[in-house]
PDB file of all heavy atoms in Angstrom:
ATOM      1  N   ALA A   1     -48.888 -51.689  -9.637  1.00  0.00           N
ATOM      2  CA  ALA A   1     -48.708 -50.779  -8.544  1.00  0.00           C
ATOM      3  C   ALA A   1     -47.409 -50.091  -8.650  1.00  0.00           C
ATOM      4  O   ALA A   1     -47.273 -48.867  -8.315  1.00  0.00           O
ATOM      5  CB  ALA A   1     -48.895 -51.585  -7.319  1.00  0.00           C
ATOM      6  N   SER A   2     -46.347 -50.785  -9.013  1.00  0.00           N
ATOM      7  CA  SER A   2     -45.046 -50.286  -9.100  1.00  0.00           C
ATOM      8  C   SER A   2     -44.951 -49.131 -10.152  1.00  0.00           C
ATOM      9  O   SER A   2     -44.277 -48.141 -10.024  1.00  0.00           O
ATOM     10  CB  SER A   2     -43.993 -51.246  -9.345  1.00  0.00           C
ATOM     11  OG  SER A   2     -43.924 -52.197  -8.161  1.00  0.00           O
ATOM     12  N   THR A   3     -45.505 -49.490 -11.286  1.00  0.00           N
ATOM     13  CA  THR A   3     -45.588 -48.467 -12.376  1.00  0.00           C
ATOM     14  C   THR A   3     -46.386 -47.212 -11.944  1.00  0.00           C
ATOM     15  O   THR A   3     -45.956 -46.022 -12.302  1.00  0.00           O
ATOM     16  CB  THR A   3     -46.270 -49.061 -13.665  1.00  0.00           C
ATOM     17  OG1 THR A   3     -45.491 -50.217 -14.077  1.00  0.00           O
ATOM     18  CG2 THR A   3     -46.354 -48.054 -14.764  1.00  0.00           C
ATOM     19  N   GLY A   4     -47.451 -47.375 -11.129  1.00  0.00           N
ATOM     20  CA  GLY A   4     -48.119 -46.285 -10.689  1.00  0.00           C
ATOM     21  C   GLY A   4     -47.377 -45.298  -9.750  1.00  0.00           C
ATOM     22  O   GLY A   4     -47.727 -44.226  -9.563  1.00  0.00           O
ATOM     23  N   GLY A   5     -46.269 -45.891  -9.199  1.00  0.00           N
ATOM     24  CA  GLY A   5     -45.427 -45.007  -8.374  1.00  0.00           C
ATOM     25  C   GLY A   5     -44.841 -43.835  -9.118  1.00  0.00           C
ATOM     26  O   GLY A   5     -44.471 -42.853  -8.441  1.00  0.00           O
ATOM     27  N   GLN A   6     -44.747 -43.960 -10.457  1.00  0.00           N
ATOM     28  CA  GLN A   6     -44.179 -42.832 -11.214  1.00  0.00           C
ATOM     29  C   GLN A   6     -45.190 -41.682 -11.386  1.00  0.00           C
ATOM     30  O   GLN A   6     -44.819 -40.597 -11.787  1.00  0.00           O
ATOM     31  CB  GLN A   6     -43.688 -43.408 -12.575  1.00  0.00           C
ATOM     32  CG  GLN A   6     -42.639 -44.428 -12.463  1.00  0.00           C
ATOM     33  CD  GLN A   6     -42.168 -44.929 -13.864  1.00  0.00           C
ATOM     34  OE1 GLN A   6     -41.035 -44.548 -14.189  1.00  0.00           O
ATOM     35  NE2 GLN A   6     -42.865 -45.751 -14.456  1.00  0.00           N
ATOM     36  N   VAL A   7     -46.412 -42.000 -11.261  1.00  0.00           N
ATOM     37  CA  VAL A   7     -47.464 -40.955 -11.518  1.00  0.00           C
ATOM     38  C   VAL A   7     -48.134 -40.493 -10.259  1.00  0.00           C
ATOM     39  O   VAL A   7     -49.024 -39.661 -10.265  1.00  0.00           O
ATOM     40  CB  VAL A   7     -48.561 -41.512 -12.553  1.00  0.00           C
ATOM     41  CG1 VAL A   7     -47.939 -41.882 -13.801  1.00  0.00           C
ATOM     42  CG2 VAL A   7     -49.289 -42.723 -11.877  1.00  0.00           C
ATOM     43  N   MET A   8     -47.829 -41.160  -9.104  1.00  0.00           N
ATOM     44  CA  MET A   8     -48.481 -40.781  -7.795  1.00  0.00           C
ATOM     45  C   MET A   8     -47.669 -39.700  -7.029  1.00  0.00           C
ATOM     46  O   MET A   8     -46.471 -39.966  -6.738  1.00  0.00           O
ATOM     47  CB  MET A   8     -48.686 -42.011  -6.996  1.00  0.00           C
ATOM     48  CG  MET A   8     -49.135 -41.803  -5.532  1.00  0.00           C
ATOM     49  SD  MET A   8     -50.738 -40.915  -5.498  1.00  0.00           S
ATOM     50  CE  MET A   8     -51.799 -42.321  -5.805  1.00  0.00           C
ATOM     51  N   PRO A   9     -48.274 -38.579  -6.812  1.00  0.00           N
ATOM     52  CA  PRO A   9     -47.586 -37.595  -5.917  1.00  0.00           C
ATOM     53  C   PRO A   9     -47.526 -38.148  -4.524  1.00  0.00           C
ATOM     54  O   PRO A   9     -48.298 -39.025  -4.125  1.00  0.00           O
ATOM     55  CB  PRO A   9     -48.519 -36.347  -6.030  1.00  0.00           C
ATOM     56  CG  PRO A   9     -49.472 -36.614  -7.249  1.00  0.00           C
ATOM     57  CD  PRO A   9     -49.505 -38.173  -7.337  1.00  0.00           C
ATOM     58  N   PRO A  10     -46.717 -37.561  -3.743  1.00  0.00           N
ATOM     59  CA  PRO A  10     -45.910 -36.326  -3.896  1.00  0.00           C
ATOM     60  C   PRO A  10     -44.555 -36.472  -4.625  1.00  0.00           C
ATOM     61  O   PRO A  10     -44.101 -35.540  -5.131  1.00  0.00           O
ATOM     62  CB  PRO A  10     -45.696 -35.773  -2.357  1.00  0.00           C
ATOM     63  CG  PRO A  10     -45.682 -37.052  -1.616  1.00  0.00           C
ATOM     64  CD  PRO A  10     -46.642 -37.983  -2.268  1.00  0.00           C
ATOM     65  N   VAL A  11     -43.972 -37.734  -4.413  1.00  0.00           N
ATOM     66  CA  VAL A  11     -42.704 -37.845  -5.192  1.00  0.00           C
ATOM     67  C   VAL A  11     -42.917 -38.900  -6.406  1.00  0.00           C
ATOM     68  O   VAL A  11     -43.185 -39.994  -6.169  1.00  0.00           O
ATOM     69  CB  VAL A  11     -41.657 -38.495  -4.154  1.00  0.00           C
ATOM     70  CG1 VAL A  11     -40.269 -38.628  -4.930  1.00  0.00           C
ATOM     71  CG2 VAL A  11     -41.482 -37.578  -2.989  1.00  0.00           C
ATOM     72  N   MET A  12     -42.851 -38.293  -7.579  1.00  0.00           N
ATOM     73  CA  MET A  12     -43.169 -39.010  -8.733  1.00  0.00           C
ATOM     74  C   MET A  12     -41.915 -39.399  -9.355  1.00  0.00           C
ATOM     75  O   MET A  12     -40.828 -39.317  -8.856  1.00  0.00           O
ATOM     76  CB  MET A  12     -44.055 -38.153  -9.684  1.00  0.00           C
ATOM     77  CG  MET A  12     -45.350 -37.703  -9.072  1.00  0.00           C
ATOM     78  SD  MET A  12     -46.036 -36.241  -9.908  1.00  0.00           S
ATOM     79  CE  MET A  12     -46.562 -36.996 -11.474  1.00  0.00           C
ATOM     80  N   GLY A  13     -42.011 -40.000 -10.606  1.00  0.00           N
ATOM     81  CA  GLY A  13     -40.867 -40.473 -11.329  1.00  0.00           C
ATOM     82  C   GLY A  13     -39.893 -39.305 -11.789  1.00  0.00           C
ATOM     83  O   GLY A  13     -40.454 -38.068 -11.808  1.00  0.00           O
ATOM     84  N   ALA A  14     -38.764 -39.480 -12.311  1.00  0.00           N
ATOM     85  CA  ALA A  14     -37.929 -38.466 -12.733  1.00  0.00           C
ATOM     86  C   ALA A  14     -38.538 -37.760 -13.974  1.00  0.00           C
ATOM     87  O   ALA A  14     -38.202 -36.505 -14.096  1.00  0.00           O
ATOM     88  CB  ALA A  14     -36.506 -39.113 -13.172  1.00  0.00           C
ATOM     89  N   ALA A  15     -39.336 -38.339 -14.717  1.00  0.00           N
ATOM     90  CA  ALA A  15     -39.888 -37.652 -15.910  1.00  0.00           C
ATOM     91  C   ALA A  15     -40.765 -36.543 -15.414  1.00  0.00           C
ATOM     92  O   ALA A  15     -40.906 -35.591 -16.168  1.00  0.00           O
ATOM     93  CB  ALA A  15     -40.691 -38.782 -16.665  1.00  0.00           C
ATOM     94  N   ALA A  16     -41.386 -36.671 -14.334  1.00  0.00           N
ATOM     95  CA  ALA A  16     -42.259 -35.586 -13.736  1.00  0.00           C
ATOM     96  C   ALA A  16     -41.477 -34.262 -13.565  1.00  0.00           C
ATOM     97  O   ALA A  16     -41.857 -33.139 -13.750  1.00  0.00           O
ATOM     98  CB  ALA A  16     -42.961 -36.050 -12.569  1.00  0.00           C
ATOM     99  N   PHE A  17     -40.257 -34.483 -13.017  1.00  0.00           N
ATOM    100  CA  PHE A  17     -39.317 -33.308 -12.800  1.00  0.00           C
ATOM    101  C   PHE A  17     -38.908 -32.633 -14.195  1.00  0.00           C
ATOM    102  O   PHE A  17     -38.847 -31.466 -14.293  1.00  0.00           O
ATOM    103  CB  PHE A  17     -38.165 -33.682 -11.982  1.00  0.00           C
ATOM    104  CG  PHE A  17     -38.483 -34.221 -10.634  1.00  0.00           C
ATOM    105  CD1 PHE A  17     -38.638 -35.557 -10.307  1.00  0.00           C
ATOM    106  CD2 PHE A  17     -38.789 -33.328  -9.557  1.00  0.00           C
ATOM    107  CE1 PHE A  17     -38.898 -35.949  -8.992  1.00  0.00           C
ATOM    108  CE2 PHE A  17     -39.119 -33.710  -8.290  1.00  0.00           C
ATOM    109  CZ  PHE A  17     -39.175 -35.091  -8.027  1.00  0.00           C
ATOM    110  N   VAL A  18     -38.674 -33.517 -15.137  1.00  0.00           N
ATOM    111  CA  VAL A  18     -38.366 -33.038 -16.419  1.00  0.00           C
ATOM    112  C   VAL A  18     -39.489 -32.269 -17.048  1.00  0.00           C
ATOM    113  O   VAL A  18     -39.399 -31.241 -17.701  1.00  0.00           O
ATOM    114  CB  VAL A  18     -37.901 -34.250 -17.390  1.00  0.00           C
ATOM    115  CG1 VAL A  18     -37.595 -33.786 -18.813  1.00  0.00           C
ATOM    116  CG2 VAL A  18     -36.640 -34.948 -16.786  1.00  0.00           C
ATOM    117  N   MET A  19     -40.777 -32.775 -16.793  1.00  0.00           N
ATOM    118  CA  MET A  19     -41.985 -32.118 -17.270  1.00  0.00           C
ATOM    119  C   MET A  19     -42.025 -30.684 -16.694  1.00  0.00           C
ATOM    120  O   MET A  19     -42.389 -29.682 -17.410  1.00  0.00           O
ATOM    121  CB  MET A  19     -43.221 -32.957 -16.868  1.00  0.00           C
ATOM    122  CG  MET A  19     -44.448 -32.390 -17.573  1.00  0.00           C
ATOM    123  SD  MET A  19     -46.024 -32.976 -16.835  1.00  0.00           S
ATOM    124  CE  MET A  19     -45.732 -34.800 -16.905  1.00  0.00           C
ATOM    125  N   ALA A  20     -41.690 -30.530 -15.390  1.00  0.00           N
ATOM    126  CA  ALA A  20     -41.790 -29.267 -14.922  1.00  0.00           C
ATOM    127  C   ALA A  20     -40.824 -28.271 -15.527  1.00  0.00           C
ATOM    128  O   ALA A  20     -41.186 -27.023 -15.749  1.00  0.00           O
ATOM    129  CB  ALA A  20     -41.362 -29.288 -13.351  1.00  0.00           C
ATOM    130  N   GLU A  21     -39.662 -28.789 -15.959  1.00  0.00           N
ATOM    131  CA  GLU A  21     -38.740 -27.937 -16.708  1.00  0.00           C
ATOM    132  C   GLU A  21     -39.209 -27.678 -18.170  1.00  0.00           C
ATOM    133  O   GLU A  21     -39.127 -26.538 -18.564  1.00  0.00           O
ATOM    134  CB  GLU A  21     -37.346 -28.616 -16.808  1.00  0.00           C
ATOM    135  CG  GLU A  21     -36.652 -28.889 -15.548  1.00  0.00           C
ATOM    136  CD  GLU A  21     -36.210 -27.484 -14.888  1.00  0.00           C
ATOM    137  OE1 GLU A  21     -35.928 -26.626 -15.612  1.00  0.00           O
ATOM    138  OE2 GLU A  21     -36.241 -27.463 -13.661  1.00  0.00           O
ATOM    139  N   PHE A  22     -39.840 -28.617 -18.798  1.00  0.00           N
ATOM    140  CA  PHE A  22     -40.389 -28.420 -20.141  1.00  0.00           C
ATOM    141  C   PHE A  22     -41.448 -27.364 -20.137  1.00  0.00           C
ATOM    142  O   PHE A  22     -41.466 -26.484 -20.963  1.00  0.00           O
ATOM    143  CB  PHE A  22     -41.040 -29.722 -20.652  1.00  0.00           C
ATOM    144  CG  PHE A  22     -40.240 -30.418 -21.621  1.00  0.00           C
ATOM    145  CD1 PHE A  22     -39.671 -31.674 -21.354  1.00  0.00           C
ATOM    146  CD2 PHE A  22     -40.028 -29.878 -22.925  1.00  0.00           C
ATOM    147  CE1 PHE A  22     -38.917 -32.459 -22.340  1.00  0.00           C
ATOM    148  CE2 PHE A  22     -39.233 -30.615 -23.784  1.00  0.00           C
ATOM    149  CZ  PHE A  22     -38.738 -31.853 -23.457  1.00  0.00           C
ATOM    150  N   LEU A  23     -42.407 -27.349 -19.110  1.00  0.00           N
ATOM    151  CA  LEU A  23     -43.553 -26.473 -19.060  1.00  0.00           C
ATOM    152  C   LEU A  23     -43.169 -25.144 -18.395  1.00  0.00           C
ATOM    153  O   LEU A  23     -44.029 -24.224 -18.365  1.00  0.00           O
ATOM    154  CB  LEU A  23     -44.654 -27.149 -18.347  1.00  0.00           C
ATOM    155  CG  LEU A  23     -45.281 -28.389 -19.091  1.00  0.00           C
ATOM    156  CD1 LEU A  23     -46.259 -29.106 -18.220  1.00  0.00           C
ATOM    157  CD2 LEU A  23     -46.000 -27.857 -20.387  1.00  0.00           C
ATOM    158  N   GLY A  24     -42.055 -25.060 -17.737  1.00  0.00           N
ATOM    159  CA  GLY A  24     -41.603 -23.870 -17.038  1.00  0.00           C
ATOM    160  C   GLY A  24     -42.562 -23.649 -15.827  1.00  0.00           C
ATOM    161  O   GLY A  24     -42.879 -22.575 -15.428  1.00  0.00           O
ATOM    162  N   MET A  25     -42.948 -24.775 -15.146  1.00  0.00           N
ATOM    163  CA  MET A  25     -43.804 -24.742 -13.968  1.00  0.00           C
ATOM    164  C   MET A  25     -43.041 -25.265 -12.769  1.00  0.00           C
ATOM    165  O   MET A  25     -42.008 -25.905 -12.949  1.00  0.00           O
ATOM    166  CB  MET A  25     -45.037 -25.582 -14.204  1.00  0.00           C
ATOM    167  CG  MET A  25     -45.948 -25.123 -15.374  1.00  0.00           C
ATOM    168  SD  MET A  25     -47.204 -26.365 -15.657  1.00  0.00           S
ATOM    169  CE  MET A  25     -48.184 -26.167 -14.292  1.00  0.00           C
ATOM    170  N   SER A  26     -43.556 -25.016 -11.624  1.00  0.00           N
ATOM    171  CA  SER A  26     -42.979 -25.517 -10.390  1.00  0.00           C
ATOM    172  C   SER A  26     -43.443 -26.959 -10.280  1.00  0.00           C
ATOM    173  O   SER A  26     -44.481 -27.282 -10.748  1.00  0.00           O
ATOM    174  CB  SER A  26     -43.390 -24.729  -9.145  1.00  0.00           C
ATOM    175  OG  SER A  26     -44.795 -24.953  -8.883  1.00  0.00           O
ATOM    176  N   TYR A  27     -42.545 -27.741  -9.555  1.00  0.00           N
ATOM    177  CA  TYR A  27     -42.965 -29.203  -9.434  1.00  0.00           C
ATOM    178  C   TYR A  27     -44.252 -29.258  -8.567  1.00  0.00           C
ATOM    179  O   TYR A  27     -44.993 -30.311  -8.702  1.00  0.00           O
ATOM    180  CB  TYR A  27     -41.744 -29.929  -8.806  1.00  0.00           C
ATOM    181  CG  TYR A  27     -42.131 -31.301  -8.413  1.00  0.00           C
ATOM    182  CD1 TYR A  27     -42.262 -32.238  -9.447  1.00  0.00           C
ATOM    183  CD2 TYR A  27     -42.387 -31.816  -7.145  1.00  0.00           C
ATOM    184  CE1 TYR A  27     -42.559 -33.580  -9.150  1.00  0.00           C
ATOM    185  CE2 TYR A  27     -42.706 -33.112  -6.846  1.00  0.00           C
ATOM    186  CZ  TYR A  27     -42.790 -34.036  -7.864  1.00  0.00           C
ATOM    187  OH  TYR A  27     -43.100 -35.354  -7.573  1.00  0.00           O
ATOM    188  N   THR A  28     -44.467 -28.326  -7.723  1.00  0.00           N
ATOM    189  CA  THR A  28     -45.610 -28.311  -6.860  1.00  0.00           C
ATOM    190  C   THR A  28     -46.926 -28.300  -7.760  1.00  0.00           C
ATOM    191  O   THR A  28     -47.849 -29.048  -7.451  1.00  0.00           O
ATOM    192  CB  THR A  28     -45.678 -27.146  -5.896  1.00  0.00           C
ATOM    193  OG1 THR A  28     -44.424 -27.155  -5.133  1.00  0.00           O
ATOM    194  CG2 THR A  28     -46.894 -27.213  -4.933  1.00  0.00           C
ATOM    195  N   ASP A  29     -46.890 -27.463  -8.807  1.00  0.00           N
ATOM    196  CA  ASP A  29     -48.026 -27.419  -9.676  1.00  0.00           C
ATOM    197  C   ASP A  29     -48.261 -28.781 -10.458  1.00  0.00           C
ATOM    198  O   ASP A  29     -49.315 -29.207 -10.661  1.00  0.00           O
ATOM    199  CB  ASP A  29     -47.891 -26.363 -10.745  1.00  0.00           C
ATOM    200  CG  ASP A  29     -47.893 -24.917 -10.090  1.00  0.00           C
ATOM    201  OD1 ASP A  29     -48.547 -24.756  -8.999  1.00  0.00           O
ATOM    202  OD2 ASP A  29     -47.226 -24.022 -10.570  1.00  0.00           O
ATOM    203  N   ILE A  30     -47.154 -29.382 -10.817  1.00  0.00           N
ATOM    204  CA  ILE A  30     -47.205 -30.702 -11.564  1.00  0.00           C
ATOM    205  C   ILE A  30     -47.801 -31.761 -10.570  1.00  0.00           C
ATOM    206  O   ILE A  30     -48.612 -32.556 -10.897  1.00  0.00           O
ATOM    207  CB  ILE A  30     -45.856 -31.195 -11.930  1.00  0.00           C
ATOM    208  CG1 ILE A  30     -45.223 -30.119 -13.040  1.00  0.00           C
ATOM    209  CG2 ILE A  30     -45.812 -32.582 -12.562  1.00  0.00           C
ATOM    210  CD1 ILE A  30     -45.940 -30.133 -14.335  1.00  0.00           C
ATOM    211  N   MET A  31     -47.357 -31.663  -9.212  1.00  0.00           N
ATOM    212  CA  MET A  31     -47.776 -32.651  -8.356  1.00  0.00           C
ATOM    213  C   MET A  31     -49.309 -32.447  -8.053  1.00  0.00           C
ATOM    214  O   MET A  31     -49.958 -33.482  -7.945  1.00  0.00           O
ATOM    215  CB  MET A  31     -46.973 -32.295  -7.006  1.00  0.00           C
ATOM    216  CG  MET A  31     -47.200 -33.253  -5.873  1.00  0.00           C
ATOM    217  SD  MET A  31     -45.973 -33.049  -4.580  1.00  0.00           S
ATOM    218  CE  MET A  31     -46.409 -31.332  -4.128  1.00  0.00           C
ATOM    219  N   ILE A  32     -49.776 -31.198  -7.953  1.00  0.00           N
ATOM    220  CA  ILE A  32     -51.212 -30.987  -7.747  1.00  0.00           C
ATOM    221  C   ILE A  32     -52.039 -31.551  -8.941  1.00  0.00           C
ATOM    222  O   ILE A  32     -53.114 -32.166  -8.755  1.00  0.00           O
ATOM    223  CB  ILE A  32     -51.514 -29.531  -7.467  1.00  0.00           C
ATOM    224  CG1 ILE A  32     -50.908 -29.103  -6.069  1.00  0.00           C
ATOM    225  CG2 ILE A  32     -52.928 -29.238  -7.513  1.00  0.00           C
ATOM    226  CD1 ILE A  32     -50.873 -27.654  -5.915  1.00  0.00           C
ATOM    227  N   ALA A  33     -51.590 -31.314 -10.197  1.00  0.00           N
ATOM    228  CA  ALA A  33     -52.291 -31.696 -11.305  1.00  0.00           C
ATOM    229  C   ALA A  33     -52.271 -33.283 -11.374  1.00  0.00           C
ATOM    230  O   ALA A  33     -53.327 -33.788 -12.005  1.00  0.00           O
ATOM    231  CB  ALA A  33     -51.570 -31.081 -12.580  1.00  0.00           C
ATOM    232  N   ALA A  34     -51.428 -33.963 -10.859  1.00  0.00           N
ATOM    233  CA  ALA A  34     -51.343 -35.455 -10.956  1.00  0.00           C
ATOM    234  C   ALA A  34     -52.216 -36.216  -9.981  1.00  0.00           C
ATOM    235  O   ALA A  34     -52.309 -37.388 -10.180  1.00  0.00           O
ATOM    236  CB  ALA A  34     -49.855 -35.787 -10.858  1.00  0.00           C
ATOM    237  N   VAL A  35     -52.717 -35.497  -8.938  1.00  0.00           N
ATOM    238  CA  VAL A  35     -53.391 -36.104  -7.849  1.00  0.00           C
ATOM    239  C   VAL A  35     -54.609 -36.951  -8.369  1.00  0.00           C
ATOM    240  O   VAL A  35     -54.715 -38.154  -8.066  1.00  0.00           O
ATOM    241  CB  VAL A  35     -53.845 -35.030  -6.764  1.00  0.00           C
ATOM    242  CG1 VAL A  35     -54.777 -35.726  -5.756  1.00  0.00           C
ATOM    243  CG2 VAL A  35     -52.619 -34.453  -6.124  1.00  0.00           C
ATOM    244  N   VAL A  36     -55.603 -36.306  -9.038  1.00  0.00           N
ATOM    245  CA  VAL A  36     -56.809 -37.037  -9.370  1.00  0.00           C
ATOM    246  C   VAL A  36     -56.546 -38.220 -10.284  1.00  0.00           C
ATOM    247  O   VAL A  36     -57.064 -39.374 -10.014  1.00  0.00           O
ATOM    248  CB  VAL A  36     -57.766 -36.050  -9.994  1.00  0.00           C
ATOM    249  CG1 VAL A  36     -58.951 -36.759 -10.593  1.00  0.00           C
ATOM    250  CG2 VAL A  36     -58.246 -35.018  -8.994  1.00  0.00           C
ATOM    251  N   PRO A  37     -55.801 -38.105 -11.437  1.00  0.00           N
ATOM    252  CA  PRO A  37     -55.486 -39.230 -12.232  1.00  0.00           C
ATOM    253  C   PRO A  37     -54.866 -40.413 -11.472  1.00  0.00           C
ATOM    254  O   PRO A  37     -55.131 -41.525 -11.770  1.00  0.00           O
ATOM    255  CB  PRO A  37     -54.603 -38.720 -13.345  1.00  0.00           C
ATOM    256  CG  PRO A  37     -54.859 -37.213 -13.470  1.00  0.00           C
ATOM    257  CD  PRO A  37     -55.191 -36.788 -12.033  1.00  0.00           C
ATOM    258  N   ALA A  38     -53.895 -40.084 -10.622  1.00  0.00           N
ATOM    259  CA  ALA A  38     -53.142 -41.081  -9.882  1.00  0.00           C
ATOM    260  C   ALA A  38     -54.110 -41.787  -8.843  1.00  0.00           C
ATOM    261  O   ALA A  38     -54.128 -43.070  -8.772  1.00  0.00           O
ATOM    262  CB  ALA A  38     -52.046 -40.521  -9.037  1.00  0.00           C
ATOM    263  N   VAL A  39     -55.064 -41.008  -8.314  1.00  0.00           N
ATOM    264  CA  VAL A  39     -56.039 -41.631  -7.300  1.00  0.00           C
ATOM    265  C   VAL A  39     -56.963 -42.684  -8.151  1.00  0.00           C
ATOM    266  O   VAL A  39     -57.207 -43.727  -7.653  1.00  0.00           O
ATOM    267  CB  VAL A  39     -56.816 -40.600  -6.608  1.00  0.00           C
ATOM    268  CG1 VAL A  39     -57.941 -41.208  -5.777  1.00  0.00           C
ATOM    269  CG2 VAL A  39     -55.869 -39.840  -5.546  1.00  0.00           C
TER     270      VAL A  39
END
């Protein structure tokens, strides 16, 4: 459950913010994309 905290929106792990920079996307888009896998 604690590990899942890094993949569960709305506030994910630090790596998710880095991913947004890598992809040139807003964090909001990353957050929306992560919803279904996390659920």
